[in-house]
């Protein structure tokens, strides 16, 4: 349990805390004369979790502490955080009684996350990796920004138009980046299959050449 792995586990710990804060809409306290409503706590927890996402990768690369556990837990922690945040926002309602985020958008966002996780696991089993694209990394930033604005918008409806724009950007980037991952996955998998067939044909020809006729 090195520092990067500790930060990853800490991000997973933030997930139930964020869910409780959002769904109970508490605590609402005053600290040093400043009102700390639930949306402030929610944004702080979200940003702290996002900071651990950056920090664990940074320290793992700098200190050469990349481990199998870290490679396994890091994407799972990211997807748990985003999924928990968006699902909680679906369960939250604004002053007019509507969900803070449309359920179909959340289905696309979460479905994309776990589909890509499955592709990466298959790719790993096949012996190759699918590097994260620039759009995929941008999507993560957009997701954090969208969730933060949606949380604040639960008490301040005036910023709802901004959250709507961010949500559409998240959905579009999720679909486009998913298409990129599929394209890379099938391209590399097709190359692997062709290599296997070529090796199989060569081995078959070699066996036929080495065979001694009776």
N, C-alpha and C. Protein backbone atom coordinates (compact mmCIF):
# COMPACT_ATOMS: atom_id res chain seq x y z
N UNK A 1 0.86 -1.19 0.00
CA UNK A 1 0.00 0.00 0.00
C UNK A 1 0.89 1.23 0.00
N UNK A 2 1.24 1.68 -1.21
CA UNK A 2 2.05 2.88 -1.33
C UNK A 2 1.14 4.10 -1.41
N UNK A 3 1.74 5.30 -1.58
CA UNK A 3 0.97 6.54 -1.59
C UNK A 3 -0.04 6.60 -2.74
N UNK A 4 0.34 6.27 -3.99
CA UNK A 4 -0.65 6.31 -5.07
C UNK A 4 -1.85 5.40 -4.82
N UNK A 5 -1.59 4.19 -4.31
CA UNK A 5 -2.70 3.27 -4.04
C UNK A 5 -3.57 3.78 -2.89
N UNK A 6 -2.93 4.40 -1.90
CA UNK A 6 -3.69 4.98 -0.79
C UNK A 6 -4.63 6.07 -1.30
N UNK A 7 -4.15 6.91 -2.21
CA UNK A 7 -4.97 7.98 -2.76
C UNK A 7 -6.14 7.40 -3.57
N UNK A 8 -5.89 6.30 -4.28
CA UNK A 8 -6.95 5.66 -5.04
C UNK A 8 -8.03 5.11 -4.11
N UNK A 9 -7.60 4.44 -3.03
CA UNK A 9 -8.56 3.91 -2.05
C UNK A 9 -9.31 5.05 -1.38
N UNK A 10 -8.62 6.17 -1.14
CA UNK A 10 -9.27 7.33 -0.54
C UNK A 10 -10.36 7.86 -1.45
N UNK A 11 -10.12 7.84 -2.77
CA UNK A 11 -11.14 8.29 -3.72
C UNK A 11 -12.37 7.40 -3.64
N UNK A 12 -12.16 6.10 -3.48
CA UNK A 12 -13.29 5.18 -3.34
C UNK A 12 -14.06 5.48 -2.05
N UNK A 13 -13.33 5.84 -0.99
CA UNK A 13 -13.97 6.19 0.29
C UNK A 13 -14.84 7.43 0.14
N UNK A 14 -14.44 8.36 -0.73
CA UNK A 14 -15.22 9.58 -0.93
C UNK A 14 -16.59 9.30 -1.55
N UNK A 15 -16.73 8.18 -2.26
CA UNK A 15 -17.96 7.89 -3.00
C UNK A 15 -19.18 7.81 -2.07
N UNK A 16 -19.20 6.94 -1.03
CA UNK A 16 -20.39 6.91 -0.16
C UNK A 16 -20.61 8.22 0.59
N UNK A 17 -19.53 8.91 0.92
CA UNK A 17 -19.68 10.20 1.61
C UNK A 17 -20.40 11.20 0.72
N UNK A 18 -20.01 11.24 -0.56
CA UNK A 18 -20.66 12.14 -1.51
C UNK A 18 -22.14 11.78 -1.68
N UNK A 19 -22.45 10.49 -1.76
CA UNK A 19 -23.84 10.06 -1.91
C UNK A 19 -24.69 10.52 -0.73
N UNK A 20 -24.17 10.33 0.47
CA UNK A 20 -24.93 10.71 1.67
C UNK A 20 -25.17 12.22 1.69
N UNK A 21 -24.15 13.01 1.38
CA UNK A 21 -24.29 14.47 1.39
C UNK A 21 -25.34 14.92 0.38
N UNK A 22 -25.32 14.35 -0.82
CA UNK A 22 -26.24 14.79 -1.86
C UNK A 22 -27.67 14.35 -1.58
N UNK A 23 -27.85 13.10 -1.18
CA UNK A 23 -29.21 12.59 -1.01
C UNK A 23 -29.87 13.08 0.27
N UNK A 24 -29.10 13.37 1.30
CA UNK A 24 -29.68 13.90 2.55
C UNK A 24 -29.69 15.42 2.56
N UNK A 25 -28.98 16.03 1.61
CA UNK A 25 -28.87 17.51 1.54
C UNK A 25 -28.43 18.08 2.87
N UNK A 26 -27.44 17.46 3.45
CA UNK A 26 -26.87 17.91 4.71
C UNK A 26 -25.37 17.53 4.72
N UNK A 27 -24.57 18.18 5.57
CA UNK A 27 -24.94 19.14 6.62
C UNK A 27 -25.13 20.57 6.09
N UNK A 28 -25.85 21.36 6.87
CA UNK A 28 -26.04 22.78 6.59
C UNK A 28 -25.67 23.53 7.86
N UNK A 29 -24.45 24.00 7.91
CA UNK A 29 -23.94 24.65 9.11
C UNK A 29 -23.31 25.99 8.75
N UNK A 30 -22.99 26.74 9.78
CA UNK A 30 -22.31 28.03 9.60
C UNK A 30 -20.95 27.93 10.27
N UNK A 31 -19.90 28.10 9.50
CA UNK A 31 -18.53 28.04 10.01
C UNK A 31 -17.88 29.40 9.84
N UNK A 32 -17.44 29.96 10.96
CA UNK A 32 -16.77 31.26 10.95
C UNK A 32 -17.58 32.32 10.20
N UNK A 33 -18.88 32.25 10.40
CA UNK A 33 -19.76 33.23 9.78
C UNK A 33 -20.10 32.95 8.33
N UNK A 34 -19.60 31.85 7.78
CA UNK A 34 -19.87 31.51 6.38
C UNK A 34 -20.81 30.32 6.32
N UNK A 35 -21.96 30.46 5.64
CA UNK A 35 -22.90 29.33 5.56
C UNK A 35 -22.36 28.21 4.69
N UNK A 36 -22.24 27.03 5.28
CA UNK A 36 -21.75 25.85 4.57
C UNK A 36 -22.92 24.91 4.34
N UNK A 37 -23.64 25.16 3.24
CA UNK A 37 -24.76 24.30 2.91
C UNK A 37 -24.25 23.02 2.24
N UNK A 38 -25.17 22.09 2.01
CA UNK A 38 -24.77 20.78 1.51
C UNK A 38 -24.08 20.87 0.15
N UNK A 39 -24.46 21.85 -0.69
CA UNK A 39 -23.84 21.93 -2.01
C UNK A 39 -22.36 22.31 -1.90
N UNK A 40 -22.00 23.08 -0.88
CA UNK A 40 -20.60 23.42 -0.68
C UNK A 40 -19.81 22.17 -0.30
N UNK A 41 -20.37 21.38 0.62
CA UNK A 41 -19.70 20.14 1.02
C UNK A 41 -19.60 19.17 -0.16
N UNK A 42 -20.67 19.09 -0.94
CA UNK A 42 -20.66 18.20 -2.09
C UNK A 42 -19.58 18.56 -3.10
N UNK A 43 -19.47 19.84 -3.41
CA UNK A 43 -18.44 20.28 -4.36
C UNK A 43 -17.05 20.05 -3.79
N UNK A 44 -16.86 20.33 -2.51
CA UNK A 44 -15.54 20.12 -1.89
C UNK A 44 -15.14 18.65 -1.93
N UNK A 45 -16.09 17.76 -1.63
CA UNK A 45 -15.78 16.32 -1.67
C UNK A 45 -15.46 15.89 -3.08
N UNK A 46 -16.24 16.38 -4.05
CA UNK A 46 -16.02 16.03 -5.46
C UNK A 46 -14.64 16.50 -5.92
N UNK A 47 -14.29 17.73 -5.60
CA UNK A 47 -13.00 18.27 -6.03
C UNK A 47 -11.84 17.56 -5.33
N UNK A 48 -12.03 17.21 -4.06
CA UNK A 48 -11.00 16.47 -3.34
C UNK A 48 -10.77 15.11 -3.99
N UNK A 49 -11.87 14.44 -4.35
CA UNK A 49 -11.75 13.14 -5.02
C UNK A 49 -11.08 13.28 -6.38
N UNK A 50 -11.44 14.34 -7.12
CA UNK A 50 -10.82 14.57 -8.43
C UNK A 50 -9.33 14.86 -8.27
N UNK A 51 -8.97 15.55 -7.19
CA UNK A 51 -7.56 15.86 -6.94
C UNK A 51 -6.76 14.59 -6.68
N UNK A 52 -7.36 13.61 -5.99
CA UNK A 52 -6.65 12.35 -5.75
C UNK A 52 -6.44 11.59 -7.06
N UNK A 53 -7.36 11.79 -8.02
CA UNK A 53 -7.21 11.14 -9.33
C UNK A 53 -5.95 11.64 -10.02
N UNK A 54 -5.72 12.95 -9.96
CA UNK A 54 -4.50 13.51 -10.56
C UNK A 54 -3.27 13.12 -9.75
N UNK A 55 -3.40 13.20 -8.41
CA UNK A 55 -2.23 12.99 -7.55
C UNK A 55 -1.72 11.56 -7.59
N UNK A 56 -2.62 10.57 -7.62
CA UNK A 56 -2.13 9.18 -7.60
C UNK A 56 -1.34 8.86 -8.87
N UNK A 57 -1.79 9.37 -10.01
CA UNK A 57 -1.04 9.15 -11.24
C UNK A 57 0.30 9.87 -11.24
N UNK A 58 0.30 11.08 -10.71
CA UNK A 58 1.54 11.87 -10.66
C UNK A 58 2.59 11.19 -9.79
N UNK A 59 2.20 10.79 -8.58
CA UNK A 59 3.17 10.17 -7.67
C UNK A 59 3.59 8.79 -8.15
N UNK A 60 2.66 8.06 -8.78
CA UNK A 60 3.01 6.74 -9.28
C UNK A 60 4.08 6.84 -10.36
N UNK A 61 3.95 7.84 -11.24
CA UNK A 61 4.96 8.01 -12.30
C UNK A 61 6.25 8.58 -11.75
N UNK A 62 6.16 9.57 -10.88
CA UNK A 62 7.37 10.21 -10.36
C UNK A 62 8.20 9.27 -9.50
N UNK A 63 7.53 8.50 -8.65
CA UNK A 63 8.24 7.60 -7.74
C UNK A 63 8.37 6.18 -8.27
N UNK A 64 7.91 5.98 -9.53
CA UNK A 64 7.95 4.65 -10.15
C UNK A 64 7.28 3.61 -9.26
N UNK A 65 6.06 3.95 -8.84
CA UNK A 65 5.30 3.07 -7.96
C UNK A 65 4.03 2.55 -8.65
N UNK A 66 4.14 2.34 -9.95
CA UNK A 66 3.01 1.76 -10.70
C UNK A 66 2.89 0.29 -10.32
N UNK A 67 1.73 -0.09 -9.79
CA UNK A 67 1.52 -1.47 -9.35
C UNK A 67 0.29 -2.06 -10.04
N UNK A 68 0.19 -3.38 -9.99
CA UNK A 68 -0.98 -4.06 -10.57
C UNK A 68 -2.26 -3.63 -9.86
N UNK A 69 -2.17 -3.49 -8.53
CA UNK A 69 -3.34 -3.06 -7.75
C UNK A 69 -3.78 -1.67 -8.19
N UNK A 70 -2.82 -0.79 -8.38
CA UNK A 70 -3.15 0.57 -8.79
C UNK A 70 -3.77 0.60 -10.18
N UNK A 71 -3.22 -0.18 -11.10
CA UNK A 71 -3.76 -0.24 -12.46
C UNK A 71 -5.18 -0.76 -12.45
N UNK A 72 -5.47 -1.68 -11.53
CA UNK A 72 -6.82 -2.26 -11.44
C UNK A 72 -7.80 -1.29 -10.78
N UNK A 73 -7.38 -0.67 -9.67
CA UNK A 73 -8.30 0.13 -8.87
C UNK A 73 -8.55 1.52 -9.44
N UNK A 74 -7.56 2.11 -10.11
CA UNK A 74 -7.68 3.51 -10.54
C UNK A 74 -8.89 3.74 -11.46
N UNK A 75 -9.05 2.98 -12.55
CA UNK A 75 -10.23 3.23 -13.39
C UNK A 75 -11.54 2.87 -12.70
N UNK A 76 -11.51 1.87 -11.82
CA UNK A 76 -12.72 1.50 -11.08
C UNK A 76 -13.13 2.65 -10.15
N UNK A 77 -12.15 3.25 -9.48
CA UNK A 77 -12.44 4.36 -8.57
C UNK A 77 -13.03 5.55 -9.34
N UNK A 78 -12.47 5.85 -10.50
CA UNK A 78 -12.98 6.95 -11.32
C UNK A 78 -14.44 6.71 -11.70
N UNK A 79 -14.73 5.51 -12.16
CA UNK A 79 -16.07 5.22 -12.65
C UNK A 79 -17.07 5.13 -11.51
N UNK A 80 -16.65 4.65 -10.34
CA UNK A 80 -17.53 4.63 -9.18
C UNK A 80 -17.89 6.06 -8.76
N UNK A 81 -16.91 6.93 -8.77
CA UNK A 81 -17.14 8.32 -8.35
C UNK A 81 -18.13 9.01 -9.29
N UNK A 82 -17.86 8.94 -10.59
CA UNK A 82 -18.73 9.61 -11.56
C UNK A 82 -20.12 8.99 -11.58
N UNK A 83 -20.19 7.66 -11.53
CA UNK A 83 -21.48 6.98 -11.56
C UNK A 83 -22.31 7.34 -10.32
N UNK A 84 -21.67 7.31 -9.15
CA UNK A 84 -22.39 7.63 -7.92
C UNK A 84 -22.89 9.07 -7.94
N UNK A 85 -22.07 9.98 -8.44
CA UNK A 85 -22.46 11.40 -8.48
C UNK A 85 -23.66 11.61 -9.39
N UNK A 86 -23.61 11.06 -10.60
CA UNK A 86 -24.70 11.27 -11.54
C UNK A 86 -25.99 10.57 -11.10
N UNK A 87 -25.87 9.37 -10.56
CA UNK A 87 -27.06 8.66 -10.09
C UNK A 87 -27.70 9.41 -8.93
N UNK A 88 -26.89 9.96 -8.05
CA UNK A 88 -27.42 10.75 -6.94
C UNK A 88 -28.14 12.00 -7.45
N UNK A 89 -27.59 12.61 -8.50
CA UNK A 89 -28.21 13.81 -9.07
C UNK A 89 -29.54 13.49 -9.73
N UNK A 90 -29.68 12.28 -10.28
CA UNK A 90 -30.98 11.87 -10.83
C UNK A 90 -32.02 11.79 -9.72
N UNK A 91 -31.60 11.33 -8.55
CA UNK A 91 -32.51 11.21 -7.42
C UNK A 91 -32.84 12.53 -6.75
N UNK A 92 -32.07 13.57 -7.06
CA UNK A 92 -32.32 14.90 -6.49
C UNK A 92 -33.24 15.69 -7.40
N UNK A 93 -34.12 16.49 -6.82
CA UNK A 93 -35.07 17.28 -7.59
C UNK A 93 -34.88 18.77 -7.34
N UNK A 94 -35.19 19.55 -8.37
CA UNK A 94 -35.13 20.99 -8.21
C UNK A 94 -36.44 21.51 -7.62
N UNK A 95 -36.60 22.83 -7.59
CA UNK A 95 -37.80 23.43 -6.99
C UNK A 95 -39.07 23.08 -7.74
N UNK A 96 -38.96 22.75 -9.02
CA UNK A 96 -40.14 22.40 -9.82
C UNK A 96 -40.46 20.90 -9.78
N UNK A 97 -39.65 20.12 -9.05
CA UNK A 97 -39.91 18.69 -8.91
C UNK A 97 -39.28 17.83 -9.97
N UNK A 98 -38.41 18.40 -10.81
CA UNK A 98 -37.73 17.63 -11.86
C UNK A 98 -36.34 17.21 -11.39
N UNK A 99 -35.87 16.08 -11.93
CA UNK A 99 -34.51 15.61 -11.62
C UNK A 99 -33.49 16.62 -12.09
N UNK A 100 -32.39 16.72 -11.37
CA UNK A 100 -31.36 17.68 -11.74
C UNK A 100 -30.69 17.30 -13.06
N UNK A 101 -30.76 16.04 -13.42
CA UNK A 101 -30.16 15.59 -14.68
C UNK A 101 -31.09 14.54 -15.29
N UNK A 102 -31.21 14.57 -16.60
CA UNK A 102 -32.09 13.62 -17.29
C UNK A 102 -31.53 12.20 -17.17
N UNK A 103 -32.37 11.24 -16.79
CA UNK A 103 -31.88 9.86 -16.62
C UNK A 103 -31.23 9.29 -17.88
N UNK A 104 -31.75 9.62 -19.07
CA UNK A 104 -31.18 9.04 -20.30
C UNK A 104 -29.75 9.52 -20.52
N UNK A 105 -29.45 10.73 -20.08
CA UNK A 105 -28.07 11.22 -20.18
C UNK A 105 -27.15 10.41 -19.27
N UNK A 106 -27.64 10.12 -18.08
CA UNK A 106 -26.83 9.35 -17.12
C UNK A 106 -26.60 7.93 -17.64
N UNK A 107 -27.61 7.35 -18.29
CA UNK A 107 -27.46 6.01 -18.86
C UNK A 107 -26.34 6.01 -19.90
N UNK A 108 -26.31 7.02 -20.75
CA UNK A 108 -25.26 7.11 -21.77
C UNK A 108 -23.89 7.28 -21.13
N UNK A 109 -23.80 8.17 -20.15
CA UNK A 109 -22.51 8.47 -19.51
C UNK A 109 -21.96 7.24 -18.79
N UNK A 110 -22.80 6.61 -17.97
CA UNK A 110 -22.34 5.46 -17.19
C UNK A 110 -22.13 4.26 -18.09
N UNK A 111 -23.04 4.07 -19.06
CA UNK A 111 -22.87 2.95 -19.99
C UNK A 111 -21.57 3.04 -20.74
N UNK A 112 -21.21 4.24 -21.14
CA UNK A 112 -19.93 4.44 -21.85
C UNK A 112 -18.76 4.06 -20.95
N UNK A 113 -18.81 4.47 -19.69
CA UNK A 113 -17.69 4.23 -18.77
C UNK A 113 -17.43 2.74 -18.60
N UNK A 114 -18.47 1.97 -18.36
CA UNK A 114 -18.27 0.55 -18.10
C UNK A 114 -18.04 -0.25 -19.38
N UNK A 115 -18.53 0.26 -20.50
CA UNK A 115 -18.22 -0.39 -21.78
C UNK A 115 -16.74 -0.27 -22.09
N UNK A 116 -16.19 0.93 -21.90
CA UNK A 116 -14.76 1.14 -22.15
C UNK A 116 -13.92 0.34 -21.17
N UNK A 117 -14.38 0.24 -19.92
CA UNK A 117 -13.65 -0.57 -18.94
C UNK A 117 -13.60 -2.02 -19.39
N UNK A 118 -14.72 -2.53 -19.95
CA UNK A 118 -14.74 -3.89 -20.45
C UNK A 118 -13.80 -4.08 -21.64
N UNK A 119 -13.79 -3.10 -22.55
CA UNK A 119 -12.88 -3.18 -23.69
C UNK A 119 -11.43 -3.20 -23.24
N UNK A 120 -11.11 -2.38 -22.26
CA UNK A 120 -9.73 -2.35 -21.76
C UNK A 120 -9.34 -3.68 -21.13
N UNK A 121 -10.27 -4.31 -20.42
CA UNK A 121 -9.97 -5.61 -19.81
C UNK A 121 -9.75 -6.67 -20.89
N UNK A 122 -10.56 -6.65 -21.94
CA UNK A 122 -10.37 -7.60 -23.04
C UNK A 122 -9.04 -7.35 -23.74
N UNK A 123 -8.73 -6.06 -23.96
CA UNK A 123 -7.47 -5.72 -24.61
C UNK A 123 -6.29 -6.19 -23.77
N UNK A 124 -6.39 -6.00 -22.46
CA UNK A 124 -5.31 -6.45 -21.58
C UNK A 124 -5.14 -7.96 -21.65
N UNK A 125 -6.25 -8.69 -21.71
CA UNK A 125 -6.17 -10.15 -21.82
C UNK A 125 -5.56 -10.58 -23.14
N UNK A 126 -5.73 -9.74 -24.18
CA UNK A 126 -5.15 -10.04 -25.49
C UNK A 126 -3.71 -9.58 -25.61
N UNK A 127 -3.21 -8.89 -24.59
CA UNK A 127 -1.81 -8.50 -24.59
C UNK A 127 -1.51 -7.12 -25.15
N UNK A 128 -2.52 -6.27 -25.29
CA UNK A 128 -2.24 -4.90 -25.72
C UNK A 128 -3.08 -3.93 -24.89
N UNK A 129 -2.72 -2.67 -24.93
CA UNK A 129 -3.41 -1.65 -24.15
C UNK A 129 -4.02 -0.61 -25.07
N UNK A 130 -5.08 0.03 -24.58
CA UNK A 130 -5.72 1.12 -25.31
C UNK A 130 -5.45 2.39 -24.53
N UNK A 131 -4.59 3.24 -25.06
CA UNK A 131 -4.22 4.47 -24.37
C UNK A 131 -5.39 5.43 -24.36
N UNK A 132 -5.50 6.19 -23.27
CA UNK A 132 -6.56 7.19 -23.17
C UNK A 132 -6.31 8.32 -24.17
N UNK A 133 -7.35 8.69 -24.88
CA UNK A 133 -7.24 9.76 -25.86
C UNK A 133 -7.35 11.12 -25.17
N UNK A 134 -6.96 12.17 -25.90
CA UNK A 134 -7.07 13.52 -25.36
C UNK A 134 -8.53 13.87 -25.06
N UNK A 135 -9.43 13.39 -25.93
CA UNK A 135 -10.85 13.66 -25.72
C UNK A 135 -11.35 12.91 -24.48
N UNK A 136 -10.84 11.70 -24.26
CA UNK A 136 -11.24 10.95 -23.08
C UNK A 136 -10.82 11.64 -21.80
N UNK A 137 -9.61 12.22 -21.79
CA UNK A 137 -9.16 12.96 -20.62
C UNK A 137 -9.96 14.24 -20.43
N UNK A 138 -10.29 14.90 -21.55
CA UNK A 138 -11.11 16.11 -21.47
C UNK A 138 -12.50 15.79 -20.93
N UNK A 139 -13.02 14.63 -21.31
CA UNK A 139 -14.34 14.20 -20.84
C UNK A 139 -14.38 14.12 -19.33
N UNK A 140 -13.32 13.61 -18.72
CA UNK A 140 -13.27 13.50 -17.27
C UNK A 140 -13.36 14.87 -16.61
N UNK A 141 -12.64 15.84 -17.17
CA UNK A 141 -12.69 17.21 -16.64
C UNK A 141 -14.09 17.79 -16.80
N UNK A 142 -14.71 17.55 -17.96
CA UNK A 142 -16.06 18.03 -18.20
C UNK A 142 -17.05 17.40 -17.23
N UNK A 143 -16.86 16.12 -16.93
CA UNK A 143 -17.76 15.44 -16.00
C UNK A 143 -17.69 16.06 -14.61
N UNK A 144 -16.48 16.30 -14.14
CA UNK A 144 -16.31 16.89 -12.82
C UNK A 144 -16.93 18.29 -12.78
N UNK A 145 -16.69 19.08 -13.83
CA UNK A 145 -17.26 20.43 -13.89
C UNK A 145 -18.78 20.38 -13.94
N UNK A 146 -19.32 19.45 -14.74
CA UNK A 146 -20.78 19.34 -14.86
C UNK A 146 -21.41 18.95 -13.53
N UNK A 147 -20.83 17.97 -12.85
CA UNK A 147 -21.37 17.53 -11.56
C UNK A 147 -21.30 18.66 -10.54
N UNK A 148 -20.18 19.38 -10.51
CA UNK A 148 -20.03 20.48 -9.56
C UNK A 148 -21.07 21.56 -9.79
N UNK A 149 -21.29 21.93 -11.06
CA UNK A 149 -22.29 22.96 -11.38
C UNK A 149 -23.70 22.47 -11.07
N UNK A 150 -23.97 21.19 -11.34
CA UNK A 150 -25.29 20.63 -11.02
C UNK A 150 -25.56 20.64 -9.52
N UNK A 151 -24.54 20.32 -8.73
CA UNK A 151 -24.70 20.33 -7.27
C UNK A 151 -25.02 21.73 -6.79
N UNK A 152 -24.29 22.71 -7.28
CA UNK A 152 -24.55 24.10 -6.88
C UNK A 152 -25.92 24.54 -7.39
N UNK A 153 -26.29 24.08 -8.59
CA UNK A 153 -27.58 24.45 -9.16
C UNK A 153 -28.77 23.92 -8.39
N UNK A 154 -28.54 22.94 -7.49
CA UNK A 154 -29.64 22.43 -6.68
C UNK A 154 -30.22 23.52 -5.79
N UNK A 155 -29.40 24.49 -5.39
CA UNK A 155 -29.87 25.60 -4.56
C UNK A 155 -29.90 26.92 -5.32
N UNK A 156 -29.24 26.96 -6.47
CA UNK A 156 -29.17 28.20 -7.24
C UNK A 156 -29.61 27.92 -8.69
N UNK A 157 -30.91 27.95 -8.96
CA UNK A 157 -31.43 27.61 -10.30
C UNK A 157 -30.90 28.53 -11.40
N UNK A 158 -30.36 29.68 -11.06
CA UNK A 158 -29.90 30.61 -12.08
C UNK A 158 -28.76 30.06 -12.92
N UNK A 159 -28.02 29.08 -12.40
CA UNK A 159 -26.89 28.52 -13.15
C UNK A 159 -27.25 27.22 -13.87
N UNK A 160 -28.55 26.86 -13.87
CA UNK A 160 -28.98 25.64 -14.55
C UNK A 160 -28.65 25.66 -16.04
N UNK A 161 -28.78 26.80 -16.75
CA UNK A 161 -28.41 26.78 -18.18
C UNK A 161 -26.96 26.36 -18.40
N UNK A 162 -26.05 26.78 -17.51
CA UNK A 162 -24.66 26.38 -17.64
C UNK A 162 -24.51 24.87 -17.45
N UNK A 163 -25.23 24.33 -16.49
CA UNK A 163 -25.14 22.88 -16.24
C UNK A 163 -25.70 22.09 -17.43
N UNK A 164 -26.73 22.63 -18.09
CA UNK A 164 -27.28 21.96 -19.27
C UNK A 164 -26.27 21.91 -20.40
N UNK A 165 -25.57 23.02 -20.61
CA UNK A 165 -24.53 23.06 -21.65
C UNK A 165 -23.42 22.07 -21.34
N UNK A 166 -22.98 22.03 -20.08
CA UNK A 166 -21.92 21.11 -19.69
C UNK A 166 -22.36 19.66 -19.84
N UNK A 167 -23.61 19.38 -19.51
CA UNK A 167 -24.11 18.01 -19.64
C UNK A 167 -24.10 17.56 -21.09
N UNK A 168 -24.54 18.42 -21.99
CA UNK A 168 -24.51 18.07 -23.41
C UNK A 168 -23.09 17.85 -23.90
N UNK A 169 -22.16 18.66 -23.42
CA UNK A 169 -20.76 18.47 -23.80
C UNK A 169 -20.24 17.13 -23.28
N UNK A 170 -20.65 16.75 -22.07
CA UNK A 170 -20.24 15.46 -21.51
C UNK A 170 -20.79 14.31 -22.35
N UNK A 171 -22.07 14.38 -22.70
CA UNK A 171 -22.70 13.32 -23.48
C UNK A 171 -22.04 13.19 -24.85
N UNK A 172 -21.82 14.33 -25.52
CA UNK A 172 -21.21 14.30 -26.85
C UNK A 172 -19.78 13.75 -26.77
N UNK A 173 -19.00 14.24 -25.80
CA UNK A 173 -17.62 13.76 -25.66
C UNK A 173 -17.59 12.29 -25.29
N UNK A 174 -18.57 11.81 -24.51
CA UNK A 174 -18.63 10.40 -24.13
C UNK A 174 -18.88 9.53 -25.36
N UNK A 175 -19.81 9.96 -26.22
CA UNK A 175 -20.12 9.18 -27.42
C UNK A 175 -18.96 9.18 -28.41
N UNK A 176 -18.36 10.35 -28.63
CA UNK A 176 -17.26 10.45 -29.60
C UNK A 176 -16.04 9.69 -29.11
N UNK A 177 -15.69 9.85 -27.83
CA UNK A 177 -14.53 9.14 -27.30
C UNK A 177 -14.76 7.64 -27.27
N UNK A 178 -16.02 7.21 -27.04
CA UNK A 178 -16.33 5.78 -27.08
C UNK A 178 -16.12 5.23 -28.48
N UNK A 179 -16.52 6.01 -29.50
CA UNK A 179 -16.30 5.58 -30.88
C UNK A 179 -14.81 5.47 -31.17
N UNK A 180 -14.01 6.39 -30.63
CA UNK A 180 -12.56 6.32 -30.82
C UNK A 180 -11.98 5.06 -30.19
N UNK A 181 -12.42 4.75 -28.96
CA UNK A 181 -11.95 3.55 -28.29
C UNK A 181 -12.31 2.29 -29.07
N UNK A 182 -13.56 2.21 -29.57
CA UNK A 182 -13.99 1.06 -30.36
C UNK A 182 -13.12 0.91 -31.60
N UNK A 183 -12.86 2.03 -32.26
CA UNK A 183 -12.05 1.98 -33.48
C UNK A 183 -10.64 1.47 -33.18
N UNK A 184 -10.03 1.97 -32.12
CA UNK A 184 -8.68 1.51 -31.75
C UNK A 184 -8.71 0.05 -31.33
N UNK A 185 -9.74 -0.33 -30.56
CA UNK A 185 -9.83 -1.70 -30.07
C UNK A 185 -9.95 -2.69 -31.22
N UNK A 186 -10.90 -2.44 -32.14
CA UNK A 186 -11.09 -3.38 -33.24
C UNK A 186 -9.90 -3.40 -34.18
N UNK A 187 -9.24 -2.24 -34.36
CA UNK A 187 -8.05 -2.21 -35.21
C UNK A 187 -6.94 -3.07 -34.65
N UNK A 188 -6.66 -2.91 -33.35
CA UNK A 188 -5.59 -3.69 -32.74
C UNK A 188 -5.97 -5.16 -32.60
N UNK A 189 -7.25 -5.42 -32.29
CA UNK A 189 -7.69 -6.82 -32.17
C UNK A 189 -7.63 -7.51 -33.52
N UNK A 190 -8.00 -6.79 -34.60
CA UNK A 190 -7.93 -7.36 -35.94
C UNK A 190 -6.49 -7.71 -36.31
N UNK A 191 -5.55 -6.82 -35.94
CA UNK A 191 -4.13 -7.10 -36.20
C UNK A 191 -3.68 -8.35 -35.45
N UNK A 192 -4.13 -8.49 -34.20
CA UNK A 192 -3.76 -9.68 -33.41
C UNK A 192 -4.30 -10.96 -34.05
N UNK A 193 -5.55 -10.89 -34.51
CA UNK A 193 -6.16 -12.08 -35.13
C UNK A 193 -5.42 -12.46 -36.40
N UNK A 194 -5.05 -11.44 -37.20
CA UNK A 194 -4.31 -11.71 -38.44
C UNK A 194 -2.95 -12.31 -38.13
N UNK A 195 -2.29 -11.81 -37.08
CA UNK A 195 -0.99 -12.37 -36.70
C UNK A 195 -1.12 -13.82 -36.26
N UNK A 196 -2.17 -14.12 -35.50
CA UNK A 196 -2.39 -15.50 -35.05
C UNK A 196 -2.64 -16.42 -36.24
N UNK A 197 -3.45 -15.96 -37.18
CA UNK A 197 -3.73 -16.78 -38.36
C UNK A 197 -2.47 -17.02 -39.17
N UNK A 198 -1.64 -15.97 -39.30
CA UNK A 198 -0.40 -16.10 -40.06
C UNK A 198 0.54 -17.08 -39.39
N UNK A 199 0.66 -16.97 -38.04
CA UNK A 199 1.52 -17.90 -37.31
C UNK A 199 0.98 -19.32 -37.40
N UNK A 200 -0.36 -19.45 -37.32
CA UNK A 200 -0.95 -20.77 -37.43
C UNK A 200 -0.70 -21.40 -38.79
N UNK A 201 -0.77 -20.60 -39.86
CA UNK A 201 -0.50 -21.13 -41.20
C UNK A 201 0.96 -21.52 -41.35
N UNK A 202 1.87 -20.70 -40.79
CA UNK A 202 3.29 -21.01 -40.87
C UNK A 202 3.61 -22.29 -40.12
N UNK A 203 3.00 -22.45 -38.93
CA UNK A 203 3.25 -23.66 -38.16
C UNK A 203 2.69 -24.88 -38.89
N UNK A 204 1.53 -24.70 -39.52
CA UNK A 204 0.93 -25.82 -40.25
C UNK A 204 1.81 -26.23 -41.44
N UNK A 205 2.33 -25.21 -42.16
CA UNK A 205 3.20 -25.51 -43.29
C UNK A 205 4.50 -26.17 -42.83
N UNK A 206 5.01 -25.72 -41.69
CA UNK A 206 6.25 -26.30 -41.17
C UNK A 206 6.05 -27.76 -40.78
N UNK A 207 4.89 -28.03 -40.17
CA UNK A 207 4.60 -29.40 -39.77
C UNK A 207 4.48 -30.31 -41.00
N UNK A 208 3.87 -29.79 -42.05
CA UNK A 208 3.73 -30.57 -43.28
C UNK A 208 5.08 -30.84 -43.94
N UNK A 209 5.96 -29.82 -43.88
CA UNK A 209 7.32 -29.99 -44.46
C UNK A 209 8.15 -30.99 -43.64
N UNK A 210 7.95 -30.93 -42.31
CA UNK A 210 8.73 -31.81 -41.44
C UNK A 210 8.20 -33.23 -41.40
N UNK A 211 6.97 -33.40 -41.88
CA UNK A 211 6.37 -34.75 -41.82
C UNK A 211 7.10 -35.69 -42.76
N UNK A 212 7.36 -36.88 -42.31
CA UNK A 212 8.06 -37.90 -43.11
C UNK A 212 7.03 -38.81 -43.71
N UNK A 213 6.95 -38.91 -45.02
CA UNK A 213 5.93 -39.77 -45.65
C UNK A 213 6.22 -41.23 -45.34
N UNK A 214 5.17 -41.99 -45.15
CA UNK A 214 5.32 -43.42 -44.86
C UNK A 214 5.56 -44.21 -46.13
